[in-house]
Amino acid sequence: MDARLRRFLGFRLKRVFNLIRADLLEQLVPLGLHITTFSTLVVIVDHPGLRQSALADTLDIKTSNMVAIIDDLEQRGWITRQRVPEDRRAFALFVTESGQRVCEMAVALASEHESKLLTCLSEQELDSLMNMLEKIETMSEYNDAAE
């Protein structure tokens, strides 16, 4: 029924993304996380002191939407915001001990989720796929910067 659409990479990627997203969400919801809050928490854990604006850029989320995500993580006690001394308008983000624990559990679940989902690919095929996706993403970023 969708044979013509399946010739388009974007359509195929969207279908695969929807599968991955639905399954991952099922794993994360019991921890109180969604895909975006999971991604946000991981980046904060990996980059303590990161500013909210840099985080929004990294995750390609509008700054106004990022505030609600940060508020949610802060209310749960998983991160803290601290004013940046040299720029009183900016906040640096840090993970708390409980946020670190939740992040570790979520990363373990996400890793297990991907391992199960990708058993149909050899390690070499997975490496090739990741390299090809990176190539497309890098080219897209290059084209965006050139415009």
N, C-alpha and C. Protein backbone atom coordinates (compact mmCIF):
# COMPACT_ATOMS: atom_id res chain seq x y z
N MET A 1 0.81 -1.19 0.00
CA MET A 1 0.00 0.00 0.00
C MET A 1 0.86 1.27 0.00
N ASP A 2 2.03 1.22 0.66
CA ASP A 2 2.89 2.40 0.74
C ASP A 2 4.20 2.19 -0.02
N ALA A 3 4.18 1.34 -1.04
CA ALA A 3 5.41 1.00 -1.79
C ALA A 3 6.10 2.23 -2.35
N ARG A 4 5.35 3.17 -2.88
CA ARG A 4 5.97 4.36 -3.45
C ARG A 4 6.65 5.19 -2.36
N LEU A 5 6.00 5.31 -1.23
CA LEU A 5 6.57 6.07 -0.11
C LEU A 5 7.84 5.41 0.43
N ARG A 6 7.86 4.08 0.44
CA ARG A 6 9.01 3.36 0.99
C ARG A 6 10.29 3.56 0.18
N ARG A 7 10.17 4.17 -0.99
CA ARG A 7 11.37 4.49 -1.78
C ARG A 7 12.08 5.74 -1.22
N PHE A 8 11.38 6.48 -0.34
CA PHE A 8 11.96 7.70 0.23
C PHE A 8 12.62 7.39 1.57
N LEU A 9 13.85 7.81 1.70
CA LEU A 9 14.60 7.59 2.93
C LEU A 9 13.88 8.20 4.13
N GLY A 10 13.38 9.41 3.97
CA GLY A 10 12.70 10.08 5.08
C GLY A 10 11.52 9.29 5.61
N PHE A 11 10.75 8.70 4.71
CA PHE A 11 9.60 7.90 5.12
C PHE A 11 10.08 6.67 5.91
N ARG A 12 11.11 6.00 5.39
CA ARG A 12 11.64 4.82 6.07
C ARG A 12 12.20 5.19 7.44
N LEU A 13 12.94 6.29 7.50
CA LEU A 13 13.51 6.72 8.78
C LEU A 13 12.42 7.04 9.79
N LYS A 14 11.36 7.68 9.31
CA LYS A 14 10.26 8.03 10.22
C LYS A 14 9.60 6.77 10.77
N ARG A 15 9.38 5.77 9.93
CA ARG A 15 8.76 4.53 10.39
C ARG A 15 9.63 3.83 11.43
N VAL A 16 10.93 3.79 11.16
CA VAL A 16 11.86 3.17 12.11
C VAL A 16 11.91 3.98 13.40
N PHE A 17 11.96 5.30 13.27
CA PHE A 17 11.97 6.17 14.45
C PHE A 17 10.73 5.93 15.30
N ASN A 18 9.57 5.83 14.67
CA ASN A 18 8.34 5.60 15.42
C ASN A 18 8.38 4.29 16.19
N LEU A 19 8.94 3.25 15.59
CA LEU A 19 9.10 1.97 16.28
C LEU A 19 10.03 2.09 17.49
N ILE A 20 11.18 2.70 17.25
CA ILE A 20 12.18 2.86 18.32
C ILE A 20 11.62 3.72 19.43
N ARG A 21 11.00 4.83 19.07
CA ARG A 21 10.47 5.78 20.04
C ARG A 21 9.39 5.13 20.93
N ALA A 22 8.46 4.43 20.32
CA ALA A 22 7.37 3.81 21.08
C ALA A 22 7.91 2.79 22.08
N ASP A 23 8.85 1.98 21.64
CA ASP A 23 9.41 0.96 22.52
C ASP A 23 10.25 1.59 23.64
N LEU A 24 11.06 2.59 23.28
CA LEU A 24 11.88 3.26 24.29
C LEU A 24 11.02 3.98 25.31
N LEU A 25 9.99 4.63 24.84
CA LEU A 25 9.09 5.34 25.75
C LEU A 25 8.47 4.39 26.77
N GLU A 26 8.12 3.21 26.32
CA GLU A 26 7.58 2.19 27.21
C GLU A 26 8.58 1.83 28.33
N GLN A 27 9.86 1.88 28.00
CA GLN A 27 10.91 1.58 28.98
C GLN A 27 11.11 2.74 29.96
N LEU A 28 10.99 3.97 29.46
CA LEU A 28 11.33 5.16 30.25
C LEU A 28 10.20 5.66 31.16
N VAL A 29 8.96 5.47 30.73
CA VAL A 29 7.82 6.01 31.49
C VAL A 29 7.81 5.55 32.95
N PRO A 30 8.11 4.28 33.25
CA PRO A 30 8.13 3.88 34.66
C PRO A 30 9.14 4.67 35.52
N LEU A 31 10.16 5.23 34.87
CA LEU A 31 11.13 6.05 35.59
C LEU A 31 10.68 7.51 35.68
N GLY A 32 9.56 7.84 35.04
CA GLY A 32 9.08 9.22 35.04
C GLY A 32 9.71 10.05 33.95
N LEU A 33 10.24 9.39 32.93
CA LEU A 33 10.92 10.10 31.85
C LEU A 33 10.18 9.92 30.53
N HIS A 34 10.38 10.90 29.66
CA HIS A 34 9.96 10.82 28.26
C HIS A 34 11.23 10.94 27.45
N ILE A 35 11.15 10.82 26.16
CA ILE A 35 12.34 10.86 25.30
C ILE A 35 13.11 12.17 25.51
N THR A 36 12.40 13.28 25.51
CA THR A 36 13.06 14.58 25.63
C THR A 36 13.68 14.79 27.01
N THR A 37 12.97 14.40 28.06
CA THR A 37 13.56 14.57 29.40
C THR A 37 14.74 13.62 29.60
N PHE A 38 14.66 12.43 29.01
CA PHE A 38 15.78 11.49 29.05
C PHE A 38 17.00 12.11 28.37
N SER A 39 16.81 12.60 27.15
CA SER A 39 17.92 13.20 26.40
C SER A 39 18.51 14.39 27.15
N THR A 40 17.65 15.20 27.72
CA THR A 40 18.09 16.37 28.46
C THR A 40 18.93 15.96 29.67
N LEU A 41 18.44 14.99 30.42
CA LEU A 41 19.16 14.52 31.61
C LEU A 41 20.52 13.95 31.24
N VAL A 42 20.59 13.17 30.18
CA VAL A 42 21.87 12.57 29.75
C VAL A 42 22.88 13.66 29.41
N VAL A 43 22.45 14.67 28.66
CA VAL A 43 23.38 15.74 28.27
C VAL A 43 23.86 16.51 29.50
N ILE A 44 22.98 16.77 30.45
CA ILE A 44 23.38 17.49 31.67
C ILE A 44 24.36 16.65 32.48
N VAL A 45 24.12 15.36 32.60
CA VAL A 45 25.03 14.46 33.32
C VAL A 45 26.41 14.48 32.65
N ASP A 46 26.42 14.43 31.32
CA ASP A 46 27.68 14.38 30.58
C ASP A 46 28.40 15.72 30.52
N HIS A 47 27.68 16.82 30.79
CA HIS A 47 28.28 18.15 30.68
C HIS A 47 27.85 19.03 31.86
N PRO A 48 28.33 18.73 33.06
CA PRO A 48 27.93 19.53 34.23
C PRO A 48 28.29 21.00 34.03
N GLY A 49 27.36 21.86 34.41
CA GLY A 49 27.59 23.30 34.29
C GLY A 49 27.18 23.86 32.93
N LEU A 50 26.63 23.02 32.09
CA LEU A 50 26.18 23.46 30.77
C LEU A 50 25.08 24.51 30.93
N ARG A 51 25.12 25.53 30.11
CA ARG A 51 24.08 26.56 30.15
C ARG A 51 22.82 26.07 29.44
N GLN A 52 21.68 26.57 29.89
CA GLN A 52 20.39 26.18 29.29
C GLN A 52 20.37 26.44 27.80
N SER A 53 20.92 27.57 27.37
CA SER A 53 20.90 27.92 25.94
C SER A 53 21.73 26.93 25.13
N ALA A 54 22.87 26.51 25.65
CA ALA A 54 23.70 25.53 24.94
C ALA A 54 23.00 24.17 24.89
N LEU A 55 22.31 23.84 25.96
CA LEU A 55 21.55 22.59 25.99
C LEU A 55 20.45 22.60 24.93
N ALA A 56 19.74 23.71 24.84
CA ALA A 56 18.68 23.84 23.83
C ALA A 56 19.26 23.69 22.43
N ASP A 57 20.42 24.29 22.18
CA ASP A 57 21.07 24.16 20.88
C ASP A 57 21.47 22.71 20.61
N THR A 58 22.04 22.06 21.61
CA THR A 58 22.50 20.68 21.46
C THR A 58 21.35 19.75 21.10
N LEU A 59 20.22 19.94 21.76
CA LEU A 59 19.07 19.06 21.54
C LEU A 59 18.12 19.57 20.46
N ASP A 60 18.46 20.73 19.88
CA ASP A 60 17.63 21.34 18.84
C ASP A 60 16.20 21.56 19.33
N ILE A 61 16.11 22.18 20.51
CA ILE A 61 14.83 22.49 21.14
C ILE A 61 14.77 24.00 21.33
N LYS A 62 13.64 24.60 21.06
CA LYS A 62 13.50 26.04 21.28
C LYS A 62 13.75 26.35 22.75
N THR A 63 14.42 27.46 22.98
CA THR A 63 14.76 27.86 24.35
C THR A 63 13.52 27.95 25.22
N SER A 64 12.42 28.47 24.66
CA SER A 64 11.19 28.60 25.45
C SER A 64 10.66 27.22 25.87
N ASN A 65 10.78 26.22 25.02
CA ASN A 65 10.35 24.86 25.37
C ASN A 65 11.32 24.20 26.36
N MET A 66 12.58 24.58 26.27
CA MET A 66 13.59 24.02 27.15
C MET A 66 13.31 24.38 28.61
N VAL A 67 12.79 25.56 28.84
CA VAL A 67 12.49 26.01 30.20
C VAL A 67 11.53 25.05 30.90
N ALA A 68 10.48 24.63 30.22
CA ALA A 68 9.51 23.71 30.82
C ALA A 68 10.15 22.35 31.13
N ILE A 69 11.03 21.89 30.28
CA ILE A 69 11.71 20.61 30.49
C ILE A 69 12.64 20.72 31.70
N ILE A 70 13.37 21.81 31.78
CA ILE A 70 14.28 22.04 32.91
C ILE A 70 13.48 22.17 34.20
N ASP A 71 12.37 22.91 34.15
CA ASP A 71 11.50 23.04 35.33
C ASP A 71 11.05 21.66 35.83
N ASP A 72 10.65 20.80 34.91
CA ASP A 72 10.19 19.45 35.28
C ASP A 72 11.31 18.66 35.96
N LEU A 73 12.49 18.67 35.38
CA LEU A 73 13.61 17.92 35.96
C LEU A 73 14.02 18.49 37.31
N GLU A 74 13.94 19.81 37.44
CA GLU A 74 14.29 20.46 38.71
C GLU A 74 13.25 20.12 39.79
N GLN A 75 11.98 20.15 39.43
CA GLN A 75 10.92 19.83 40.40
C GLN A 75 11.01 18.39 40.89
N ARG A 76 11.50 17.52 40.05
CA ARG A 76 11.68 16.12 40.44
C ARG A 76 12.92 15.93 41.32
N GLY A 77 13.72 16.98 41.42
CA GLY A 77 14.93 16.90 42.24
C GLY A 77 16.09 16.24 41.53
N TRP A 78 16.05 16.19 40.19
CA TRP A 78 17.09 15.50 39.43
C TRP A 78 18.19 16.43 38.94
N ILE A 79 17.90 17.72 38.87
CA ILE A 79 18.91 18.71 38.47
C ILE A 79 18.76 19.96 39.32
N THR A 80 19.79 20.79 39.29
CA THR A 80 19.72 22.12 39.90
C THR A 80 20.19 23.14 38.87
N ARG A 81 19.67 24.35 39.03
CA ARG A 81 20.09 25.48 38.21
C ARG A 81 20.89 26.42 39.09
N GLN A 82 22.00 26.89 38.58
CA GLN A 82 22.80 27.87 39.31
C GLN A 82 23.11 29.02 38.37
N ARG A 83 22.97 30.23 38.90
CA ARG A 83 23.28 31.40 38.07
C ARG A 83 24.76 31.37 37.69
N VAL A 84 25.03 31.80 36.47
CA VAL A 84 26.40 31.91 35.99
C VAL A 84 26.93 33.25 36.48
N PRO A 85 28.00 33.25 37.30
CA PRO A 85 28.48 34.50 37.91
C PRO A 85 28.78 35.62 36.91
N GLU A 86 29.36 35.28 35.76
CA GLU A 86 29.72 36.32 34.80
C GLU A 86 28.57 36.76 33.90
N ASP A 87 27.43 36.07 34.00
CA ASP A 87 26.24 36.44 33.23
C ASP A 87 25.01 36.10 34.07
N ARG A 88 24.52 37.04 34.85
CA ARG A 88 23.46 36.79 35.82
C ARG A 88 22.14 36.36 35.15
N ARG A 89 22.03 36.52 33.83
CA ARG A 89 20.81 36.09 33.14
C ARG A 89 20.86 34.60 32.79
N ALA A 90 22.06 34.02 32.80
CA ALA A 90 22.23 32.63 32.37
C ALA A 90 22.26 31.68 33.57
N PHE A 91 21.83 30.45 33.32
CA PHE A 91 21.86 29.40 34.34
C PHE A 91 22.73 28.24 33.86
N ALA A 92 23.52 27.72 34.79
CA ALA A 92 24.28 26.50 34.55
C ALA A 92 23.51 25.35 35.18
N LEU A 93 23.55 24.20 34.56
CA LEU A 93 22.76 23.05 35.00
C LEU A 93 23.66 21.95 35.55
N PHE A 94 23.22 21.38 36.67
CA PHE A 94 23.97 20.31 37.33
C PHE A 94 23.01 19.21 37.75
N VAL A 95 23.48 17.97 37.69
CA VAL A 95 22.66 16.83 38.09
C VAL A 95 22.81 16.62 39.60
N THR A 96 21.75 16.15 40.23
CA THR A 96 21.80 15.78 41.65
C THR A 96 22.12 14.29 41.74
N GLU A 97 22.33 13.80 42.95
CA GLU A 97 22.61 12.37 43.12
C GLU A 97 21.44 11.53 42.63
N SER A 98 20.22 11.94 42.97
CA SER A 98 19.06 11.15 42.51
C SER A 98 18.92 11.24 40.99
N GLY A 99 19.23 12.39 40.42
CA GLY A 99 19.20 12.53 38.96
C GLY A 99 20.23 11.63 38.29
N GLN A 100 21.39 11.53 38.91
CA GLN A 100 22.45 10.65 38.40
C GLN A 100 21.98 9.19 38.40
N ARG A 101 21.34 8.78 39.50
CA ARG A 101 20.83 7.40 39.60
C ARG A 101 19.77 7.12 38.53
N VAL A 102 18.83 8.05 38.39
CA VAL A 102 17.77 7.87 37.39
C VAL A 102 18.39 7.81 35.99
N CYS A 103 19.35 8.67 35.74
CA CYS A 103 20.00 8.70 34.43
C CYS A 103 20.69 7.36 34.15
N GLU A 104 21.40 6.84 35.12
CA GLU A 104 22.10 5.56 34.94
C GLU A 104 21.11 4.44 34.64
N MET A 105 19.99 4.42 35.37
CA MET A 105 18.96 3.40 35.10
C MET A 105 18.39 3.56 33.70
N ALA A 106 18.11 4.81 33.33
CA ALA A 106 17.50 5.08 32.02
C ALA A 106 18.46 4.72 30.88
N VAL A 107 19.74 5.05 31.05
CA VAL A 107 20.73 4.71 30.02
C VAL A 107 20.85 3.19 29.89
N ALA A 108 20.82 2.49 31.00
CA ALA A 108 20.87 1.02 30.96
C ALA A 108 19.66 0.47 30.22
N LEU A 109 18.47 1.00 30.52
CA LEU A 109 17.26 0.55 29.83
C LEU A 109 17.31 0.87 28.33
N ALA A 110 17.78 2.07 28.00
CA ALA A 110 17.87 2.48 26.59
C ALA A 110 18.88 1.61 25.85
N SER A 111 19.99 1.30 26.49
CA SER A 111 21.01 0.44 25.86
C SER A 111 20.46 -0.96 25.63
N GLU A 112 19.78 -1.48 26.62
CA GLU A 112 19.17 -2.81 26.48
C GLU A 112 18.11 -2.80 25.38
N HIS A 113 17.32 -1.75 25.37
CA HIS A 113 16.27 -1.57 24.35
C HIS A 113 16.88 -1.60 22.95
N GLU A 114 17.95 -0.84 22.73
CA GLU A 114 18.57 -0.80 21.41
C GLU A 114 19.22 -2.13 21.05
N SER A 115 19.85 -2.75 22.03
CA SER A 115 20.48 -4.05 21.76
C SER A 115 19.46 -5.07 21.26
N LYS A 116 18.32 -5.13 21.93
CA LYS A 116 17.26 -6.06 21.52
C LYS A 116 16.71 -5.70 20.13
N LEU A 117 16.49 -4.41 19.94
CA LEU A 117 15.88 -3.94 18.70
C LEU A 117 16.80 -4.16 17.50
N LEU A 118 18.10 -4.07 17.73
CA LEU A 118 19.05 -4.10 16.62
C LEU A 118 19.74 -5.45 16.44
N THR A 119 19.19 -6.50 17.03
CA THR A 119 19.80 -7.82 16.90
C THR A 119 19.81 -8.30 15.46
N CYS A 120 18.98 -7.71 14.61
CA CYS A 120 18.94 -8.10 13.20
C CYS A 120 20.14 -7.56 12.42
N LEU A 121 20.92 -6.67 13.02
CA LEU A 121 22.09 -6.10 12.35
C LEU A 121 23.38 -6.64 12.96
N SER A 122 24.35 -6.89 12.11
CA SER A 122 25.68 -7.27 12.60
C SER A 122 26.35 -6.00 13.14
N GLU A 123 27.43 -6.18 13.87
CA GLU A 123 28.16 -5.02 14.40
C GLU A 123 28.66 -4.14 13.26
N GLN A 124 29.12 -4.77 12.20
CA GLN A 124 29.60 -4.03 11.03
C GLN A 124 28.47 -3.26 10.36
N GLU A 125 27.30 -3.88 10.23
CA GLU A 125 26.15 -3.19 9.63
C GLU A 125 25.72 -2.00 10.48
N LEU A 126 25.72 -2.20 11.79
CA LEU A 126 25.35 -1.10 12.69
C LEU A 126 26.35 0.04 12.59
N ASP A 127 27.64 -0.27 12.57
CA ASP A 127 28.67 0.76 12.41
C ASP A 127 28.47 1.52 11.09
N SER A 128 28.19 0.77 10.03
CA SER A 128 27.97 1.41 8.72
C SER A 128 26.75 2.33 8.75
N LEU A 129 25.68 1.83 9.35
CA LEU A 129 24.47 2.65 9.45
C LEU A 129 24.73 3.93 10.24
N MET A 130 25.40 3.81 11.37
CA MET A 130 25.69 4.99 12.19
C MET A 130 26.58 5.98 11.42
N ASN A 131 27.55 5.45 10.68
CA ASN A 131 28.43 6.32 9.88
C ASN A 131 27.66 7.02 8.77
N MET A 132 26.76 6.30 8.13
CA MET A 132 25.96 6.91 7.06
C MET A 132 25.03 7.99 7.61
N LEU A 133 24.41 7.71 8.74
CA LEU A 133 23.52 8.71 9.34
C LEU A 133 24.31 9.95 9.75
N GLU A 134 25.49 9.74 10.30
CA GLU A 134 26.34 10.87 10.68
C GLU A 134 26.72 11.70 9.45
N LYS A 135 27.02 11.02 8.37
CA LYS A 135 27.38 11.70 7.12
C LYS A 135 26.23 12.58 6.63
N ILE A 136 25.01 12.04 6.66
CA ILE A 136 23.84 12.80 6.22
C ILE A 136 23.61 13.98 7.15
N GLU A 137 23.71 13.73 8.45
CA GLU A 137 23.50 14.80 9.43
C GLU A 137 24.54 15.90 9.28
N THR A 138 25.79 15.52 9.11
CA THR A 138 26.87 16.50 8.95
C THR A 138 26.67 17.32 7.69
N MET A 139 26.28 16.67 6.61
CA MET A 139 26.05 17.37 5.36
C MET A 139 24.88 18.34 5.50
N SER A 140 23.85 17.90 6.21
CA SER A 140 22.69 18.75 6.44
C SER A 140 23.09 19.99 7.24
N GLU A 141 23.91 19.80 8.28
CA GLU A 141 24.38 20.93 9.10
C GLU A 141 25.23 21.88 8.27
N TYR A 142 26.04 21.30 7.38
CA TYR A 142 26.88 22.13 6.50
C TYR A 142 26.00 22.96 5.58
N ASN A 143 24.97 22.34 4.99
CA ASN A 143 24.07 23.05 4.09
C ASN A 143 23.30 24.14 4.83
N ASP A 144 22.87 23.86 6.07
CA ASP A 144 22.15 24.86 6.86
C ASP A 144 23.02 26.06 7.14
N ALA A 145 24.30 25.83 7.45
CA ALA A 145 25.22 26.92 7.76
C ALA A 145 25.53 27.75 6.51
N ALA A 146 25.52 27.12 5.35
CA ALA A 146 25.83 27.81 4.10
C ALA A 146 24.71 28.73 3.64
N GLU A 147 23.50 28.46 4.09
CA GLU A 147 22.34 29.26 3.64
C GLU A 147 22.27 30.61 4.29
